[in-house]
PDB file of N, CA and C in Angstrom:
ATOM      1  N   UNK A   1      91.228 100.580 108.599  1.00  0.00           N
ATOM      2  CA  UNK A   1      91.467  99.361 107.905  1.00  0.00           C
ATOM      3  C   UNK A   1      91.692  98.463 109.169  1.00  0.00           C
ATOM      4  N   UNK A   2      90.990  97.175 109.288  1.00  0.00           N
ATOM      5  CA  UNK A   2      91.345  96.321 110.251  1.00  0.00           C
ATOM      6  C   UNK A   2      92.227  95.151 109.400  1.00  0.00           C
ATOM      7  N   UNK A   3      93.624  95.477 109.611  1.00  0.00           N
ATOM      8  CA  UNK A   3      94.530  94.441 109.030  1.00  0.00           C
ATOM      9  C   UNK A   3      94.802  93.059 109.551  1.00  0.00           C
ATOM     10  N   UNK A   4      94.397  93.329 111.019  1.00  0.00           N
ATOM     11  CA  UNK A   4      94.624  92.054 111.807  1.00  0.00           C
ATOM     12  C   UNK A   4      95.790  91.827 112.528  1.00  0.00           C
ATOM     13  N   UNK A   5      96.298  90.832 112.993  1.00  0.00           N
ATOM     14  CA  UNK A   5      97.281  90.496 113.639  1.00  0.00           C
ATOM     15  C   UNK A   5      98.406  90.064 112.593  1.00  0.00           C
ATOM     16  N   UNK A   6      99.684  90.513 113.164  1.00  0.00           N
ATOM     17  CA  UNK A   6     100.994  90.003 112.289  1.00  0.00           C
ATOM     18  C   UNK A   6     101.109  88.461 112.325  1.00  0.00           C
ATOM     19  N   UNK A   7     101.479  87.971 111.127  1.00  0.00           N
ATOM     20  CA  UNK A   7     101.627  86.494 111.030  1.00  0.00           C
ATOM     21  C   UNK A   7     103.039  86.086 111.159  1.00  0.00           C
ATOM     22  N   UNK A   8     104.062  87.147 111.265  1.00  0.00           N
ATOM     23  CA  UNK A   8     105.407  87.050 111.478  1.00  0.00           C
ATOM     24  C   UNK A   8     106.027  88.291 111.177  1.00  0.00           C
ATOM     25  N   UNK A   9     107.446  88.269 111.107  1.00  0.00           N
ATOM     26  CA  UNK A   9     108.275  89.509 110.841  1.00  0.00           C
ATOM     27  C   UNK A   9     108.178  89.771 109.424  1.00  0.00           C
ATOM     28  N   UNK A  10     108.479  90.984 109.162  1.00  0.00           N
ATOM     29  CA  UNK A  10     108.566  91.449 107.716  1.00  0.00           C
ATOM     30  C   UNK A  10     109.739  90.813 106.938  1.00  0.00           C
ATOM     31  N   UNK A  11     109.403  90.734 105.698  1.00  0.00           N
ATOM     32  CA  UNK A  11     110.463  89.959 104.921  1.00  0.00           C
ATOM     33  C   UNK A  11     110.856  90.830 103.748  1.00  0.00           C
ATOM     34  N   UNK A  12     111.862  90.791 103.092  1.00  0.00           N
ATOM     35  CA  UNK A  12     112.388  91.411 101.860  1.00  0.00           C
ATOM     36  C   UNK A  12     112.056  90.550 100.567  1.00  0.00           C
ATOM     37  N   UNK A  13     111.512  90.976  99.599  1.00  0.00           N
ATOM     38  CA  UNK A  13     111.135  90.201  98.551  1.00  0.00           C
ATOM     39  C   UNK A  13     111.606  91.150  97.278  1.00  0.00           C
ATOM     40  N   UNK A  14     112.634  90.882  96.793  1.00  0.00           N
ATOM     41  CA  UNK A  14     113.270  91.908  95.702  1.00  0.00           C
ATOM     42  C   UNK A  14     113.689  93.158  96.527  1.00  0.00           C
ATOM     43  N   UNK A  15     112.950  94.290  95.918  1.00  0.00           N
ATOM     44  CA  UNK A  15     113.325  95.488  96.593  1.00  0.00           C
ATOM     45  C   UNK A  15     112.202  95.833  97.636  1.00  0.00           C
ATOM     46  N   UNK A  16     111.135  95.187  97.561  1.00  0.00           N
ATOM     47  CA  UNK A  16     110.102  95.507  98.479  1.00  0.00           C
ATOM     48  C   UNK A  16     110.241  94.875  99.983  1.00  0.00           C
ATOM     49  N   UNK A  17     109.672  95.380 100.885  1.00  0.00           N
ATOM     50  CA  UNK A  17     109.498  94.839 102.233  1.00  0.00           C
ATOM     51  C   UNK A  17     107.945  94.617 102.401  1.00  0.00           C
ATOM     52  N   UNK A  18     107.746  93.330 102.932  1.00  0.00           N
ATOM     53  CA  UNK A  18     106.405  92.964 102.914  1.00  0.00           C
ATOM     54  C   UNK A  18     106.054  92.312 104.428  1.00  0.00           C
ATOM     55  N   UNK A  19     105.048  92.371 104.798  1.00  0.00           N
ATOM     56  CA  UNK A  19     104.496  91.792 106.058  1.00  0.00           C
ATOM     57  C   UNK A  19     103.100  91.452 105.915  1.00  0.00           C
ATOM     58  N   UNK A  20     102.970  90.137 106.267  1.00  0.00           N
ATOM     59  CA  UNK A  20     101.583  89.505 106.235  1.00  0.00           C
ATOM     60  C   UNK A  20     100.826  89.590 107.540  1.00  0.00           C
ATOM     61  N   UNK A  21      99.558  89.822 107.537  1.00  0.00           N
ATOM     62  CA  UNK A  21      98.746  90.010 108.649  1.00  0.00           C
ATOM     63  C   UNK A  21      97.541  89.156 108.321  1.00  0.00           C
ATOM     64  N   UNK A  22      96.816  88.715 109.322  1.00  0.00           N
ATOM     65  CA  UNK A  22      95.611  87.828 109.333  1.00  0.00           C
ATOM     66  C   UNK A  22      94.455  88.420 108.176  1.00  0.00           C
ATOM     67  N   UNK A  23      94.479  89.682 107.938  1.00  0.00           N
ATOM     68  CA  UNK A  23      93.471  90.120 107.165  1.00  0.00           C
ATOM     69  C   UNK A  23      93.989  91.074 105.682  1.00  0.00           C
ATOM     70  N   UNK A  24      95.355  90.748 105.675  1.00  0.00           N
ATOM     71  CA  UNK A  24      96.116  91.493 104.591  1.00  0.00           C
ATOM     72  C   UNK A  24      97.659  91.399 104.503  1.00  0.00           C
ATOM     73  N   UNK A  25      98.102  92.296 103.748  1.00  0.00           N
ATOM     74  CA  UNK A  25      99.560  92.608 103.579  1.00  0.00           C
ATOM     75  C   UNK A  25      99.934  93.965 103.569  1.00  0.00           C
ATOM     76  N   UNK A  26     101.063  94.266 104.190  1.00  0.00           N
ATOM     77  CA  UNK A  26     101.640  95.668 104.011  1.00  0.00           C
ATOM     78  C   UNK A  26     102.792  95.647 103.277  1.00  0.00           C
ATOM     79  N   UNK A  27     103.014  96.396 102.124  1.00  0.00           N
ATOM     80  CA  UNK A  27     104.367  96.447 101.433  1.00  0.00           C
ATOM     81  C   UNK A  27     104.852  97.887 101.357  1.00  0.00           C
ATOM     82  N   UNK A  28     106.321  97.844 101.454  1.00  0.00           N
ATOM     83  CA  UNK A  28     107.048  99.159 101.355  1.00  0.00           C
ATOM     84  C   UNK A  28     107.984  99.155 100.345  1.00  0.00           C
ATOM     85  N   UNK A  29     108.073 100.088  99.366  1.00  0.00           N
ATOM     86  CA  UNK A  29     109.115 100.170  98.524  1.00  0.00           C
ATOM     87  C   UNK A  29     109.976 101.249  98.962  1.00  0.00           C
ATOM     88  N   UNK A  30     111.151 101.165  99.597  1.00  0.00           N
ATOM     89  CA  UNK A  30     112.114 102.349  99.938  1.00  0.00           C
ATOM     90  C   UNK A  30     113.013 102.542  98.788  1.00  0.00           C
ATOM     91  N   UNK A  31     112.826 102.158  97.591  1.00  0.00           N
ATOM     92  CA  UNK A  31     113.705 102.634  96.402  1.00  0.00           C
ATOM     93  C   UNK A  31     113.358 103.733  95.754  1.00  0.00           C
ATOM     94  N   UNK A  32     114.297 104.096  94.778  1.00  0.00           N
ATOM     95  CA  UNK A  32     113.885 105.277  93.954  1.00  0.00           C
ATOM     96  C   UNK A  32     113.434 104.772  92.597  1.00  0.00           C
ATOM     97  N   UNK A  33     112.930 103.518  92.535  1.00  0.00           N
ATOM     98  CA  UNK A  33     112.192 103.018  91.318  1.00  0.00           C
ATOM     99  C   UNK A  33     111.085 102.313  91.762  1.00  0.00           C
ATOM    100  N   UNK A  34     110.054 102.301  90.751  1.00  0.00           N
ATOM    101  CA  UNK A  34     108.829 101.525  91.017  1.00  0.00           C
ATOM    102  C   UNK A  34     109.106 100.063  91.126  1.00  0.00           C
ATOM    103  N   UNK A  35     108.339  99.371  91.855  1.00  0.00           N
ATOM    104  CA  UNK A  35     108.377  97.881  91.972  1.00  0.00           C
ATOM    105  C   UNK A  35     106.987  97.213  92.145  1.00  0.00           C
ATOM    106  N   UNK A  36     106.842  96.097  91.560  1.00  0.00           N
ATOM    107  CA  UNK A  36     105.497  95.296  91.488  1.00  0.00           C
ATOM    108  C   UNK A  36     105.413  94.215  92.492  1.00  0.00           C
ATOM    109  N   UNK A  37     104.456  94.211  93.352  1.00  0.00           N
ATOM    110  CA  UNK A  37     104.085  93.102  94.338  1.00  0.00           C
ATOM    111  C   UNK A  37     103.180  92.183  93.554  1.00  0.00           C
ATOM    112  N   UNK A  38     103.340  90.998  93.536  1.00  0.00           N
ATOM    113  CA  UNK A  38     102.394  89.939  93.036  1.00  0.00           C
ATOM    114  C   UNK A  38     101.878  89.090  94.103  1.00  0.00           C
ATOM    115  N   UNK A  39     100.561  89.012  94.317  1.00  0.00           N
ATOM    116  CA  UNK A  39     100.032  88.329  95.383  1.00  0.00           C
ATOM    117  C   UNK A  39      99.786  86.805  94.929  1.00  0.00           C
ATOM    118  N   UNK A  40      99.657  85.971  95.807  1.00  0.00           N
ATOM    119  CA  UNK A  40      99.287  84.559  95.611  1.00  0.00           C
ATOM    120  C   UNK A  40      97.729  84.436  95.560  1.00  0.00           C
ATOM    121  N   UNK A  41      96.919  85.345  95.611  1.00  0.00           N
ATOM    122  CA  UNK A  41      95.495  85.559  95.512  1.00  0.00           C
ATOM    123  C   UNK A  41      94.928  86.836  95.228  1.00  0.00           C
ATOM    124  N   UNK A  42      93.632  87.128  95.653  1.00  0.00           N
ATOM    125  CA  UNK A  42      92.977  88.449  95.367  1.00  0.00           C
ATOM    126  C   UNK A  42      93.024  89.220  96.485  1.00  0.00           C
ATOM    127  N   UNK A  43      93.488  90.505  96.523  1.00  0.00           N
ATOM    128  CA  UNK A  43      93.617  91.382  97.522  1.00  0.00           C
ATOM    129  C   UNK A  43      92.670  92.677  96.980  1.00  0.00           C
ATOM    130  N   UNK A  44      92.522  93.616  98.214  1.00  0.00           N
ATOM    131  CA  UNK A  44      91.911  94.896  97.643  1.00  0.00           C
ATOM    132  C   UNK A  44      92.631  96.007  97.886  1.00  0.00           C
ATOM    133  N   UNK A  45      93.035  96.836  97.038  1.00  0.00           N
ATOM    134  CA  UNK A  45      93.695  98.012  97.407  1.00  0.00           C
ATOM    135  C   UNK A  45      93.145  99.066  97.931  1.00  0.00           C
ATOM    136  N   UNK A  46      93.738 100.242  98.328  1.00  0.00           N
ATOM    137  CA  UNK A  46      93.121 101.333  98.967  1.00  0.00           C
ATOM    138  C   UNK A  46      91.819 102.067  98.131  1.00  0.00           C
ATOM    139  N   UNK A  47      91.815 101.784  96.977  1.00  0.00           N
ATOM    140  CA  UNK A  47      90.774 102.165  96.082  1.00  0.00           C
ATOM    141  C   UNK A  47      89.499 101.413  96.292  1.00  0.00           C
ATOM    142  N   UNK A  48      89.709 100.272  96.825  1.00  0.00           N
ATOM    143  CA  UNK A  48      88.602  99.188  96.766  1.00  0.00           C
ATOM    144  C   UNK A  48      88.508  98.353  95.571  1.00  0.00           C
ATOM    145  N   UNK A  49      89.592  98.327  94.791  1.00  0.00           N
ATOM    146  CA  UNK A  49      89.755  97.537  93.469  1.00  0.00           C
ATOM    147  C   UNK A  49      90.280  96.228  93.931  1.00  0.00           C
ATOM    148  N   UNK A  50      89.768  95.235  93.347  1.00  0.00           N
ATOM    149  CA  UNK A  50      90.242  93.788  93.501  1.00  0.00           C
ATOM    150  C   UNK A  50      91.574  93.735  92.613  1.00  0.00           C
ATOM    151  N   UNK A  51      92.465  93.199  93.258  1.00  0.00           N
ATOM    152  CA  UNK A  51      93.789  93.015  92.375  1.00  0.00           C
ATOM    153  C   UNK A  51      94.471  91.745  92.596  1.00  0.00           C
ATOM    154  N   UNK A  52      95.393  91.324  91.790  1.00  0.00           N
ATOM    155  CA  UNK A  52      96.290  90.268  92.110  1.00  0.00           C
ATOM    156  C   UNK A  52      97.722  90.801  92.051  1.00  0.00           C
ATOM    157  N   UNK A  53      97.983  92.032  91.634  1.00  0.00           N
ATOM    158  CA  UNK A  53      99.343  92.507  91.698  1.00  0.00           C
ATOM    159  C   UNK A  53      99.197  94.077  91.772  1.00  0.00           C
ATOM    160  N   UNK A  54     100.244  94.931  92.148  1.00  0.00           N
ATOM    161  CA  UNK A  54     100.201  96.186  92.161  1.00  0.00           C
ATOM    162  C   UNK A  54     101.475  96.815  92.083  1.00  0.00           C
ATOM    163  N   UNK A  55     101.744  97.914  91.414  1.00  0.00           N
ATOM    164  CA  UNK A  55     103.050  98.533  91.202  1.00  0.00           C
ATOM    165  C   UNK A  55     103.082  99.578  92.297  1.00  0.00           C
ATOM    166  N   UNK A  56     104.046  99.503  93.195  1.00  0.00           N
ATOM    167  CA  UNK A  56     104.286 100.689  94.161  1.00  0.00           C
ATOM    168  C   UNK A  56     105.134 101.714  93.553  1.00  0.00           C
ATOM    169  N   UNK A  57     104.909 102.974  93.807  1.00  0.00           N
ATOM    170  CA  UNK A  57     105.643 104.090  93.190  1.00  0.00           C
ATOM    171  C   UNK A  57     107.064 104.178  94.313  1.00  0.00           C
ATOM    172  N   UNK A  58     108.041 104.728  93.859  1.00  0.00           N
ATOM    173  CA  UNK A  58     109.222 104.863  94.578  1.00  0.00           C
ATOM    174  C   UNK A  58     108.889 105.501  95.979  1.00  0.00           C
ATOM    175  N   UNK A  59     109.676 105.095  97.092  1.00  0.00           N
ATOM    176  CA  UNK A  59     109.622 105.650  98.478  1.00  0.00           C
ATOM    177  C   UNK A  59     108.091 105.627  98.921  1.00  0.00           C
ATOM    178  N   UNK A  60     107.199 104.458  98.701  1.00  0.00           N
ATOM    179  CA  UNK A  60     105.916 104.454  99.090  1.00  0.00           C
ATOM    180  C   UNK A  60     105.499 103.230  99.794  1.00  0.00           C
ATOM    181  N   UNK A  61     104.423 102.957 100.328  1.00  0.00           N
ATOM    182  CA  UNK A  61     103.956 101.884 101.058  1.00  0.00           C
ATOM    183  C   UNK A  61     102.447 101.807 100.925  1.00  0.00           C
ATOM    184  N   UNK A  62     101.967 100.634 100.934  1.00  0.00           N
ATOM    185  CA  UNK A  62     100.461 100.391 100.747  1.00  0.00           C
ATOM    186  C   UNK A  62      99.938  99.180 101.620  1.00  0.00           C
ATOM    187  N   UNK A  63      98.578  99.415 101.987  1.00  0.00           N
ATOM    188  CA  UNK A  63      98.178  98.099 102.852  1.00  0.00           C
ATOM    189  C   UNK A  63      97.122  97.636 101.737  1.00  0.00           C
ATOM    190  N   UNK A  64      97.056  96.222 101.852  1.00  0.00           N
ATOM    191  CA  UNK A  64      96.095  95.564 100.965  1.00  0.00           C
ATOM    192  C   UNK A  64      95.452  94.538 101.762  1.00  0.00           C
ATOM    193  N   UNK A  65      94.108  94.814 101.517  1.00  0.00           N
ATOM    194  CA  UNK A  65      93.334  93.567 102.509  1.00  0.00           C
ATOM    195  C   UNK A  65      92.763  92.414 101.628  1.00  0.00           C
ATOM    196  N   UNK A  66      92.554  91.365 102.188  1.00  0.00           N
ATOM    197  CA  UNK A  66      92.260  89.966 101.455  1.00  0.00           C
ATOM    198  C   UNK A  66      90.985  90.400 100.940  1.00  0.00           C
ATOM    199  N   UNK A  67      91.029  89.769  99.687  1.00  0.00           N
ATOM    200  CA  UNK A  67      89.757  90.105  98.820  1.00  0.00           C
ATOM    201  C   UNK A  67      88.755  88.831  99.121  1.00  0.00           C
TER     202      UNK A  67
END
């Protein structure tokens, strides 16, 4: 995946840690409960599905590309 260059440092949003890149977002859920990330637009998850939000399982992380 070509996620591009970072646009800044990571930030905590609720229980998630997120970092924006020129071509997407990386989100990490370090907690023991599921957490939902809501995007301000359409992104593509690792399955190739266009989404506007996604629930991350506990202790997981995902890369989302701009849709």
